[in-house]
Amino acid sequence: MVTSEKMALTNNARFMHCLPVRRNVVVADAVLDDPRCLIFEQAKNREFAAQAVLEELIRVDKS
């Protein structure tokens, strides 16, 4: 499990995960709630990518 203690051993690392994540099983709450955690930015980027794929599929279907 990724914990605050393990993150403290890094050189100011940021935590990334593609979601969903099991809190306190895969990663500790303290790591997920830390300002250096990038999971929500990653999820937002994935949303835009999925929208682009869907748009392309709809466009191909109409052709």
C-alpha atoms as a PDB file:
ATOM      1  CA  MET A   1       0.000   0.000   0.000  1.00  0.00           C
ATOM      2  CA  VAL A   2       1.229   3.506  -0.792  1.00  0.00           C
ATOM      3  CA  THR A   3       1.444   5.460   2.445  1.00  0.00           C
ATOM      4  CA  SER A   4       2.545   8.922   3.502  1.00  0.00           C
ATOM      5  CA  GLU A   5       5.663   7.364   4.965  1.00  0.00           C
ATOM      6  CA  LYS A   6       6.611   5.846   1.606  1.00  0.00           C
ATOM      7  CA  MET A   7       5.859   9.114  -0.200  1.00  0.00           C
ATOM      8  CA  ALA A   8       8.136  10.909   2.285  1.00  0.00           C
ATOM      9  CA  LEU A   9      11.034   8.740   1.079  1.00  0.00           C
ATOM     10  CA  THR A  10      10.747  10.174  -2.446  1.00  0.00           C
ATOM     11  CA  ASN A  11      12.174  13.338  -3.906  1.00  0.00           C
ATOM     12  CA  ASN A  12       8.917  15.337  -3.620  1.00  0.00           C
ATOM     13  CA  ALA A  13       7.006  12.827  -5.788  1.00  0.00           C
ATOM     14  CA  ARG A  14       3.418  13.274  -6.874  1.00  0.00           C
ATOM     15  CA  PHE A  15       0.928  10.429  -6.668  1.00  0.00           C
ATOM     16  CA  MET A  16      -0.879   9.372  -9.854  1.00  0.00           C
ATOM     17  CA  HIS A  17      -3.494   6.653 -10.343  1.00  0.00           C
ATOM     18  CA  CYS A  18      -5.937   5.958 -13.143  1.00  0.00           C
ATOM     19  CA  LEU A  19      -8.935   5.394 -10.816  1.00  0.00           C
ATOM     20  CA  PRO A  20     -10.909   3.753  -9.431  1.00  0.00           C
ATOM     21  CA  VAL A  21      -8.733   3.122  -6.410  1.00  0.00           C
ATOM     22  CA  ARG A  22      -9.507   1.259  -3.205  1.00  0.00           C
ATOM     23  CA  ARG A  23      -8.849   3.672  -0.354  1.00  0.00           C
ATOM     24  CA  ASN A  24      -6.752   2.266   2.463  1.00  0.00           C
ATOM     25  CA  VAL A  25      -6.160  -0.940   0.470  1.00  0.00           C
ATOM     26  CA  VAL A  26      -4.091   0.268  -2.487  1.00  0.00           C
ATOM     27  CA  VAL A  27      -3.309   3.754  -1.220  1.00  0.00           C
ATOM     28  CA  ALA A  28      -3.825   5.519   2.088  1.00  0.00           C
ATOM     29  CA  ASP A  29      -6.397   8.281   2.474  1.00  0.00           C
ATOM     30  CA  ALA A  30      -3.644  10.698   3.480  1.00  0.00           C
ATOM     31  CA  VAL A  31      -1.901  10.204   0.126  1.00  0.00           C
ATOM     32  CA  LEU A  32      -5.115  10.573  -1.899  1.00  0.00           C
ATOM     33  CA  ASP A  33      -6.121  13.713  -0.024  1.00  0.00           C
ATOM     34  CA  ASP A  34      -2.659  15.299  -0.255  1.00  0.00           C
ATOM     35  CA  PRO A  35      -2.308  18.371  -2.522  1.00  0.00           C
ATOM     36  CA  ARG A  36       0.443  16.521  -4.424  1.00  0.00           C
ATOM     37  CA  CYS A  37      -2.044  13.859  -5.554  1.00  0.00           C
ATOM     38  CA  LEU A  38      -2.939  14.122  -9.257  1.00  0.00           C
ATOM     39  CA  ILE A  39      -5.692  11.522  -9.522  1.00  0.00           C
ATOM     40  CA  PHE A  40      -8.518  13.948 -10.253  1.00  0.00           C
ATOM     41  CA  GLU A  41      -6.556  15.714 -12.992  1.00  0.00           C
ATOM     42  CA  GLN A  42      -5.868  12.316 -14.545  1.00  0.00           C
ATOM     43  CA  ALA A  43      -9.534  11.338 -14.377  1.00  0.00           C
ATOM     44  CA  LYS A  44     -10.529  14.600 -16.054  1.00  0.00           C
ATOM     45  CA  ASN A  45      -8.044  14.006 -18.880  1.00  0.00           C
ATOM     46  CA  ARG A  46      -9.400  10.485 -19.360  1.00  0.00           C
ATOM     47  CA  GLU A  47     -12.937  11.893 -19.615  1.00  0.00           C
ATOM     48  CA  PHE A  48     -11.917  14.159 -22.508  1.00  0.00           C
ATOM     49  CA  ALA A  49     -10.184  11.282 -24.277  1.00  0.00           C
ATOM     50  CA  ALA A  50     -13.299   9.100 -23.952  1.00  0.00           C
ATOM     51  CA  GLN A  51     -15.468  11.916 -25.317  1.00  0.00           C
ATOM     52  CA  ALA A  52     -13.198  12.276 -28.340  1.00  0.00           C
ATOM     53  CA  VAL A  53     -13.420   8.539 -29.050  1.00  0.00           C
ATOM     54  CA  LEU A  54     -17.218   8.596 -28.779  1.00  0.00           C
ATOM     55  CA  GLU A  55     -17.431  11.614 -31.060  1.00  0.00           C
ATOM     56  CA  GLU A  56     -15.298   9.844 -33.669  1.00  0.00           C
ATOM     57  CA  LEU A  57     -17.453   6.712 -33.455  1.00  0.00           C
ATOM     58  CA  ILE A  58     -20.620   8.754 -33.967  1.00  0.00           C
ATOM     59  CA  ARG A  59     -19.055  10.574 -36.909  1.00  0.00           C
ATOM     60  CA  VAL A  60     -18.018   7.297 -38.579  1.00  0.00           C
ATOM     61  CA  ASP A  61     -21.496   5.826 -38.059  1.00  0.00           C
ATOM     62  CA  LYS A  62     -23.158   8.733 -39.920  1.00  0.00           C
ATOM     63  CA  SER A  63     -20.889   8.384 -42.971  1.00  0.00           C
END
